């Protein structure tokens, strides 16, 4: 299917061509395609109502400390950890990836502050991305999608033939996000 930017462009051209926007109705749940189309329309309308998506740029060295905090807080909040400040302090998901020869690092800014991060990794014809992390106070605000679009575009520039990611398979929110970009579950693999 078309990349995220193309779908947004097409949606915005279609919406601007109509003078009066029809009322948003509940989704037709008869197929996943209908639900995804409804979600795209909803997101477009929501952004037009003043909610803006983040600006994406390369991650910079001065961002690393805050990026590491965002990763820890996002994963900790999702996992239900009570003490986010002391969660995963012994793990490095940011510093080791930043600046690596085979990795591209992306930052999302929202209102002048770091809002999220994502990393694309190139292993020749194989590529993967993550961890995708967004500040918990900005979940559901349009920060994750442009970060996924950025890594997908990077994987395309590298000529990646097989791309993947790791996610929380029990979370339909995560699965749907990645399906918008052509990533569908194939095999459930437990990583221990």
C-alpha atoms as a PDB file:
ATOM      1  CA  UNK A   1       0.000   0.000   0.000  1.00  0.00           C
ATOM      2  CA  UNK A   2       0.960   3.645  -0.144  1.00  0.00           C
ATOM      3  CA  UNK A   3       3.360   5.062   2.435  1.00  0.00           C
ATOM      4  CA  UNK A   4       1.944   7.067   5.333  1.00  0.00           C
ATOM      5  CA  UNK A   5       2.900  10.444   3.810  1.00  0.00           C
ATOM      6  CA  UNK A   6       1.073   9.580   0.581  1.00  0.00           C
ATOM      7  CA  UNK A   7      -2.085   8.569   2.458  1.00  0.00           C
ATOM      8  CA  UNK A   8      -2.054  11.778   4.508  1.00  0.00           C
ATOM      9  CA  UNK A   9      -1.487  13.854   1.373  1.00  0.00           C
ATOM     10  CA  UNK A  10      -4.332  12.113  -0.444  1.00  0.00           C
ATOM     11  CA  UNK A  11      -6.651  12.452   2.565  1.00  0.00           C
ATOM     12  CA  UNK A  12      -5.891  16.148   2.975  1.00  0.00           C
ATOM     13  CA  UNK A  13      -6.447  16.837  -0.738  1.00  0.00           C
ATOM     14  CA  UNK A  14      -9.772  15.015  -0.646  1.00  0.00           C
ATOM     15  CA  UNK A  15     -10.928  16.804   2.506  1.00  0.00           C
ATOM     16  CA  UNK A  16      -9.916  20.261   1.285  1.00  0.00           C
ATOM     17  CA  UNK A  17     -11.881  19.748  -1.939  1.00  0.00           C
ATOM     18  CA  UNK A  18     -15.162  19.558  -0.018  1.00  0.00           C
ATOM     19  CA  UNK A  19     -16.712  22.719   1.401  1.00  0.00           C
ATOM     20  CA  UNK A  20     -18.611  21.109   4.243  1.00  0.00           C
ATOM     21  CA  UNK A  21     -17.121  18.152   6.029  1.00  0.00           C
ATOM     22  CA  UNK A  22     -19.606  15.347   6.733  1.00  0.00           C
ATOM     23  CA  UNK A  23     -20.108  14.170  10.311  1.00  0.00           C
ATOM     24  CA  UNK A  24     -17.784  11.401  11.427  1.00  0.00           C
ATOM     25  CA  UNK A  25     -19.807   8.221  11.933  1.00  0.00           C
ATOM     26  CA  UNK A  26     -18.898   5.104  13.912  1.00  0.00           C
ATOM     27  CA  UNK A  27     -16.724   2.674  11.916  1.00  0.00           C
ATOM     28  CA  UNK A  28     -18.174  -0.148   9.852  1.00  0.00           C
ATOM     29  CA  UNK A  29     -16.709  -3.109  11.733  1.00  0.00           C
ATOM     30  CA  UNK A  30     -17.356  -5.615   8.924  1.00  0.00           C
ATOM     31  CA  UNK A  31     -13.716  -5.578   7.819  1.00  0.00           C
ATOM     32  CA  UNK A  32     -10.326  -4.455   9.043  1.00  0.00           C
ATOM     33  CA  UNK A  33      -9.975  -2.335   5.902  1.00  0.00           C
ATOM     34  CA  UNK A  34     -13.080  -0.330   6.873  1.00  0.00           C
ATOM     35  CA  UNK A  35     -11.857   0.169  10.436  1.00  0.00           C
ATOM     36  CA  UNK A  36      -8.414   1.329   9.273  1.00  0.00           C
ATOM     37  CA  UNK A  37      -9.964   3.755   6.779  1.00  0.00           C
ATOM     38  CA  UNK A  38     -12.147   5.154   9.564  1.00  0.00           C
ATOM     39  CA  UNK A  39      -9.108   5.516  11.847  1.00  0.00           C
ATOM     40  CA  UNK A  40      -7.190   7.414   9.161  1.00  0.00           C
ATOM     41  CA  UNK A  41     -10.130   9.765   8.674  1.00  0.00           C
ATOM     42  CA  UNK A  42     -10.454  10.245  12.433  1.00  0.00           C
ATOM     43  CA  UNK A  43      -6.732  11.030  12.809  1.00  0.00           C
ATOM     44  CA  UNK A  44      -6.833  13.511   9.954  1.00  0.00           C
ATOM     45  CA  UNK A  45      -9.839  15.327  11.453  1.00  0.00           C
ATOM     46  CA  UNK A  46      -8.249  15.290  14.891  1.00  0.00           C
ATOM     47  CA  UNK A  47      -5.049  16.899  13.599  1.00  0.00           C
ATOM     48  CA  UNK A  48      -7.064  19.550  11.726  1.00  0.00           C
ATOM     49  CA  UNK A  49      -8.754  20.389  15.007  1.00  0.00           C
ATOM     50  CA  UNK A  50      -5.506  21.748  16.405  1.00  0.00           C
ATOM     51  CA  UNK A  51      -3.713  18.564  17.412  1.00  0.00           C
ATOM     52  CA  UNK A  52      -0.452  18.495  15.528  1.00  0.00           C
ATOM     53  CA  UNK A  53       1.919  15.673  14.890  1.00  0.00           C
ATOM     54  CA  UNK A  54       5.544  15.909  15.915  1.00  0.00           C
ATOM     55  CA  UNK A  55       8.394  17.247  13.820  1.00  0.00           C
ATOM     56  CA  UNK A  56      10.932  14.544  12.977  1.00  0.00           C
ATOM     57  CA  UNK A  57      14.673  15.163  12.849  1.00  0.00           C
ATOM     58  CA  UNK A  58      17.870  13.171  13.389  1.00  0.00           C
ATOM     59  CA  UNK A  59      18.584  12.421  17.032  1.00  0.00           C
ATOM     60  CA  UNK A  60      21.444  14.613  18.311  1.00  0.00           C
ATOM     61  CA  UNK A  61      24.046  13.894  20.953  1.00  0.00           C
ATOM     62  CA  UNK A  62      22.536  16.478  23.310  1.00  0.00           C
ATOM     63  CA  UNK A  63      19.237  14.483  23.173  1.00  0.00           C
ATOM     64  CA  UNK A  64      20.674  11.209  24.474  1.00  0.00           C
ATOM     65  CA  UNK A  65      20.000  11.600  28.182  1.00  0.00           C
ATOM     66  CA  UNK A  66      16.377  12.646  27.623  1.00  0.00           C
ATOM     67  CA  UNK A  67      15.955   9.959  24.950  1.00  0.00           C
ATOM     68  CA  UNK A  68      17.100   7.277  27.390  1.00  0.00           C
ATOM     69  CA  UNK A  69      14.636   8.632  29.985  1.00  0.00           C
ATOM     70  CA  UNK A  70      11.795   8.534  27.426  1.00  0.00           C
ATOM     71  CA  UNK A  71      12.577   4.897  26.546  1.00  0.00           C
ATOM     72  CA  UNK A  72      12.618   3.889  30.211  1.00  0.00           C
ATOM     73  CA  UNK A  73       9.428   5.783  31.051  1.00  0.00           C
ATOM     74  CA  UNK A  74       7.499   4.591  27.990  1.00  0.00           C
ATOM     75  CA  UNK A  75       8.322   0.922  28.494  1.00  0.00           C
ATOM     76  CA  UNK A  76       7.917   1.150  32.262  1.00  0.00           C
ATOM     77  CA  UNK A  77       4.527   2.844  32.026  1.00  0.00           C
ATOM     78  CA  UNK A  78       3.311   0.254  29.499  1.00  0.00           C
ATOM     79  CA  UNK A  79       4.494  -2.577  31.764  1.00  0.00           C
ATOM     80  CA  UNK A  80       2.878  -1.020  34.844  1.00  0.00           C
ATOM     81  CA  UNK A  81       6.067  -0.214  36.735  1.00  0.00           C
ATOM     82  CA  UNK A  82       5.511   2.010  39.784  1.00  0.00           C
ATOM     83  CA  UNK A  83       8.983   3.631  39.991  1.00  0.00           C
ATOM     84  CA  UNK A  84       9.790   4.856  36.478  1.00  0.00           C
ATOM     85  CA  UNK A  85      12.929   6.751  37.511  1.00  0.00           C
ATOM     86  CA  UNK A  86      14.634   3.520  38.607  1.00  0.00           C
ATOM     87  CA  UNK A  87      13.302   1.261  35.858  1.00  0.00           C
ATOM     88  CA  UNK A  88      15.855  -0.164  33.384  1.00  0.00           C
ATOM     89  CA  UNK A  89      18.664   2.042  34.649  1.00  0.00           C
ATOM     90  CA  UNK A  90      21.069  -0.793  33.819  1.00  0.00           C
ATOM     91  CA  UNK A  91      19.857  -1.128  30.188  1.00  0.00           C
ATOM     92  CA  UNK A  92      21.129   0.944  27.273  1.00  0.00           C
ATOM     93  CA  UNK A  93      18.738   1.251  24.367  1.00  0.00           C
ATOM     94  CA  UNK A  94      19.905   4.677  23.204  1.00  0.00           C
ATOM     95  CA  UNK A  95      23.622   5.380  23.648  1.00  0.00           C
ATOM     96  CA  UNK A  96      24.715   2.101  22.050  1.00  0.00           C
ATOM     97  CA  UNK A  97      22.579   2.663  18.962  1.00  0.00           C
ATOM     98  CA  UNK A  98      23.242   6.381  18.508  1.00  0.00           C
ATOM     99  CA  UNK A  99      26.021   7.040  16.036  1.00  0.00           C
ATOM    100  CA  UNK A 100      26.531   3.373  15.185  1.00  0.00           C
ATOM    101  CA  UNK A 101      27.597   2.927  11.575  1.00  0.00           C
ATOM    102  CA  UNK A 102      24.635   0.698  10.687  1.00  0.00           C
ATOM    103  CA  UNK A 103      21.942   2.625  12.620  1.00  0.00           C
ATOM    104  CA  UNK A 104      19.856   5.731  11.906  1.00  0.00           C
ATOM    105  CA  UNK A 105      18.437   7.526  14.950  1.00  0.00           C
ATOM    106  CA  UNK A 106      15.339   9.723  14.840  1.00  0.00           C
ATOM    107  CA  UNK A 107      13.855  12.229  17.276  1.00  0.00           C
ATOM    108  CA  UNK A 108      10.334  13.608  17.451  1.00  0.00           C
ATOM    109  CA  UNK A 109       9.838  17.110  18.798  1.00  0.00           C
ATOM    110  CA  UNK A 110       6.565  18.421  20.141  1.00  0.00           C
ATOM    111  CA  UNK A 111       6.294  22.058  21.203  1.00  0.00           C
ATOM    112  CA  UNK A 112      10.085  22.392  21.284  1.00  0.00           C
ATOM    113  CA  UNK A 113      10.751  19.386  23.527  1.00  0.00           C
ATOM    114  CA  UNK A 114      11.873  15.853  22.768  1.00  0.00           C
ATOM    115  CA  UNK A 115       8.725  13.732  22.516  1.00  0.00           C
ATOM    116  CA  UNK A 116       9.915  10.378  21.184  1.00  0.00           C
ATOM    117  CA  UNK A 117      12.682   8.390  19.529  1.00  0.00           C
ATOM    118  CA  UNK A 118      13.097   5.533  17.083  1.00  0.00           C
ATOM    119  CA  UNK A 119      16.050   3.677  15.598  1.00  0.00           C
ATOM    120  CA  UNK A 120      16.488   1.887  12.264  1.00  0.00           C
ATOM    121  CA  UNK A 121      19.159  -0.801  11.974  1.00  0.00           C
ATOM    122  CA  UNK A 122      20.678  -2.040   8.719  1.00  0.00           C
ATOM    123  CA  UNK A 123      22.025  -5.582   8.441  1.00  0.00           C
ATOM    124  CA  UNK A 124      22.580  -5.702   4.690  1.00  0.00           C
ATOM    125  CA  UNK A 125      19.349  -6.807   3.035  1.00  0.00           C
ATOM    126  CA  UNK A 126      17.684  -7.172   6.465  1.00  0.00           C
ATOM    127  CA  UNK A 127      16.580  -4.258   8.598  1.00  0.00           C
ATOM    128  CA  UNK A 128      14.600  -3.733  11.755  1.00  0.00           C
ATOM    129  CA  UNK A 129      13.576  -0.849  13.918  1.00  0.00           C
ATOM    130  CA  UNK A 130      13.055   0.057  17.525  1.00  0.00           C
ATOM    131  CA  UNK A 131      12.765   0.720  20.257  1.00  0.00           C
ATOM    132  CA  UNK A 132      10.037   3.147  19.258  1.00  0.00           C
ATOM    133  CA  UNK A 133       9.347   5.184  22.382  1.00  0.00           C
ATOM    134  CA  UNK A 134       7.043   8.137  23.023  1.00  0.00           C
ATOM    135  CA  UNK A 135       6.712  10.149  26.235  1.00  0.00           C
ATOM    136  CA  UNK A 136       3.699   8.671  28.066  1.00  0.00           C
ATOM    137  CA  UNK A 137       2.042  12.095  28.407  1.00  0.00           C
ATOM    138  CA  UNK A 138       1.993  12.278  24.588  1.00  0.00           C
ATOM    139  CA  UNK A 139       0.611   8.812  23.852  1.00  0.00           C
ATOM    140  CA  UNK A 140      -2.246   8.949  21.303  1.00  0.00           C
ATOM    141  CA  UNK A 141      -1.178  12.392  20.099  1.00  0.00           C
ATOM    142  CA  UNK A 142       0.288  11.525  16.697  1.00  0.00           C
ATOM    143  CA  UNK A 143       3.956  11.243  17.702  1.00  0.00           C
ATOM    144  CA  UNK A 144       4.538   7.555  16.903  1.00  0.00           C
ATOM    145  CA  UNK A 145       3.324   7.495  13.291  1.00  0.00           C
ATOM    146  CA  UNK A 146       5.865   9.983  11.886  1.00  0.00           C
ATOM    147  CA  UNK A 147       8.629   8.153  13.774  1.00  0.00           C
ATOM    148  CA  UNK A 148       7.609   4.882  12.094  1.00  0.00           C
ATOM    149  CA  UNK A 149       7.378   6.678   8.730  1.00  0.00           C
ATOM    150  CA  UNK A 150      10.923   8.006   9.221  1.00  0.00           C
ATOM    151  CA  UNK A 151      12.405   4.552   9.827  1.00  0.00           C
ATOM    152  CA  UNK A 152      10.417   3.046   6.937  1.00  0.00           C
ATOM    153  CA  UNK A 153      11.811   5.701   4.603  1.00  0.00           C
ATOM    154  CA  UNK A 154      15.323   5.018   5.905  1.00  0.00           C
ATOM    155  CA  UNK A 155      14.913   1.275   5.335  1.00  0.00           C
ATOM    156  CA  UNK A 156      13.791   2.049   1.772  1.00  0.00           C
ATOM    157  CA  UNK A 157      16.861   4.263   1.200  1.00  0.00           C
ATOM    158  CA  UNK A 158      19.087   1.421   2.388  1.00  0.00           C
ATOM    159  CA  UNK A 159      17.407  -0.973  -0.047  1.00  0.00           C
ATOM    160  CA  UNK A 160      16.191  -3.248   2.738  1.00  0.00           C
ATOM    161  CA  UNK A 161      14.457  -6.325   1.313  1.00  0.00           C
ATOM    162  CA  UNK A 162      13.231  -7.836   4.591  1.00  0.00           C
ATOM    163  CA  UNK A 163      12.188  -5.510   7.432  1.00  0.00           C
ATOM    164  CA  UNK A 164      10.781  -6.280  10.839  1.00  0.00           C
ATOM    165  CA  UNK A 165      10.369  -5.184  14.422  1.00  0.00           C
ATOM    166  CA  UNK A 166       9.632  -6.469  17.913  1.00  0.00           C
ATOM    167  CA  UNK A 167       6.474  -5.352  19.669  1.00  0.00           C
ATOM    168  CA  UNK A 168       3.964  -6.253  22.343  1.00  0.00           C
ATOM    169  CA  UNK A 169       1.866  -8.747  20.397  1.00  0.00           C
ATOM    170  CA  UNK A 170      -0.982  -8.561  22.923  1.00  0.00           C
ATOM    171  CA  UNK A 171      -1.457  -4.835  22.239  1.00  0.00           C
ATOM    172  CA  UNK A 172      -3.823  -4.172  19.340  1.00  0.00           C
ATOM    173  CA  UNK A 173      -2.775  -0.522  19.529  1.00  0.00           C
ATOM    174  CA  UNK A 174       0.806  -1.469  18.684  1.00  0.00           C
ATOM    175  CA  UNK A 175      -0.195  -4.020  16.042  1.00  0.00           C
ATOM    176  CA  UNK A 176      -2.501  -1.534  14.287  1.00  0.00           C
ATOM    177  CA  UNK A 177       0.154   1.154  14.277  1.00  0.00           C
ATOM    178  CA  UNK A 178       2.606  -1.111  12.468  1.00  0.00           C
ATOM    179  CA  UNK A 179      -0.040  -2.467  10.089  1.00  0.00           C
ATOM    180  CA  UNK A 180      -0.520   1.077   8.766  1.00  0.00           C
ATOM    181  CA  UNK A 181       3.014   0.753   7.420  1.00  0.00           C
ATOM    182  CA  UNK A 182       2.692  -2.753   5.999  1.00  0.00           C
ATOM    183  CA  UNK A 183       3.971  -4.772   8.984  1.00  0.00           C
ATOM    184  CA  UNK A 184       1.725  -7.717   9.793  1.00  0.00           C
ATOM    185  CA  UNK A 185       2.224 -10.466  12.373  1.00  0.00           C
ATOM    186  CA  UNK A 186       3.479 -13.707  10.832  1.00  0.00           C
ATOM    187  CA  UNK A 187       4.918 -15.884  13.550  1.00  0.00           C
ATOM    188  CA  UNK A 188       4.740 -15.446  17.277  1.00  0.00           C
ATOM    189  CA  UNK A 189       8.259 -15.858  18.632  1.00  0.00           C
ATOM    190  CA  UNK A 190       8.894 -15.804  22.361  1.00  0.00           C
ATOM    191  CA  UNK A 191      12.134 -14.021  23.186  1.00  0.00           C
ATOM    192  CA  UNK A 192      13.437 -14.903  26.638  1.00  0.00           C
END
